[in-house]
Amino acid sequence: MTPREFFLENFAGDLEYHMLKGIFLLRKSSEGLGLTQSELDDLSHPSNRKRLPSIPNQAAQIVQDFGAGSLLLWPLLNVGKDIDYTWINPPRLPVFLTGAVLFTLGWLVRRLTSGPSGHK
């Protein structure tokens, strides 16, 4: 098995896993799993509902997560260089800068879109 086939097979498996995991992430809440109908009715009462973050706040969290992923990938580029000897110059600086910019942008948008805190 070539390295390309290995990574492609792993990527397909990860994609399948994450698409299945995404079904549960799209639910508003996983609290209702395994409950009876009367317990579900109690959960659906408006006073028991959780407040979700705003759309800009969630989008900023996603951007910040992608930035954190790039920052975590950055030190591992040397490992990739050791695996594939034809890869002479891994893009360390662009990956680091992309991660830093995305993480900072996500943090800034979250900071600007968050409501006033209750701290005095």
Foldseek 3Di string as FASTA:
>chain_A
DDPVVVVVVVVVVVVVVVVVVVVVVPDQDPVPPPDDPVVVVVCPPVVNHDDDDDPLLVVLVVLLVVLVVLCVCLVCVVVVCVVDVVCDDPPNPVSNVSSVVSNVSSVVSNVVPDDDDPDD
